């Protein structure tokens, strides 16, 4: 017998959002980790918001929504609110009831800015790292460092001379510009839309782009991100930020740090040894003498570190393909660093979900 093409809705329903999410869905275990990290931030949330007045969006829901935007490559907050309107999985993860109204995207952005001003994302990243340490997933002795370029949310046309006043010719907004024959340098020029962005290129075979530099300190036991920073795009940014991250590691015991050829400089190697850190840096012997000699390379640990340091590229690749880090959609070094840290926290959570398969995810 042929069925009728009629949608018959019930007048009442007792279905819950949890009923629509499969028991083995990856977000279940991840939500348990996220809630545990957010619970540790309750004291910080209490200091950010006033005791009286109209209630705003709960910061826990804001953080879970921002994580979803990264995990599912949602390119804008307007689209995130649209997904939250009809996607039951998104409603369940964020904590929005099935009949609850979804926020306007402008309201969501305004409340998100409050989190950025109080470094909530940085604290959340540290709590995620703390959870990994609590479960014994982190190495305390062996690490890797590396950096990557993050293209800024600014066009080449905005990179203008610092001495020129802002132009308002009234012409077409996207009018073509000819930079041929001009010497544009960071010393004399600056982006009008993102002053913190710097014109930089990774190698001689690539073009210069307005960029930031993202840096990661990764531990070697399970390849989790131990620290994440963003700096201005300079030739010494990678080495200088690596030393700052090494200084923040607890304990005076001996450590090792692996890195690529860009870190093979006499200054960086000497600074690492002053910190009781053995530099397992790849040797750069092209038309020069390496700062790393046989005293380091003859040990088997050097070979192991060089193999494991390639693991760090998986975080950069995931962040740029899934997390939309290839070109950041925020401006200013502080906001870019917040986005970078949240993306690395999400990358850690994805990996911790597989490392802790027995974790109860419906907390």
Foldseek 3Di string as FASTA:
>chain_A
DDDDPDDDDDPDDDDWLVVVDDQQDLLLLLLVLLVVLVVVCPVVVVVLDDPDDDDAPPVSLLLQLLLVCLQAVPPALQVSQVCCLPPSVNCVSSVNTVPHHGDHSVSSVVVVVSCLVSVVLVSSLQSLLVVCVVVVQFDQAEKEKDKDKFFEPADPVQWAFPPDDDDDPVDDPPDDDDCPPPDRALVGTAGPVFRLFGFDDDDPVDGTGRTKMKMFMFGQRQGATPDIAIGHDDLCVRLVVVLVVLVPRDDQAAHEYEYECSQFDLVSCVSCVVSNYHYLYHFDPDVDGTNDDPVPVVDPVSVVSVVRNVSNVVLVVSCVPRRVRNYDPDHDRSVNGSSSSSSSSSVNSSSVCVVCVVRRRND
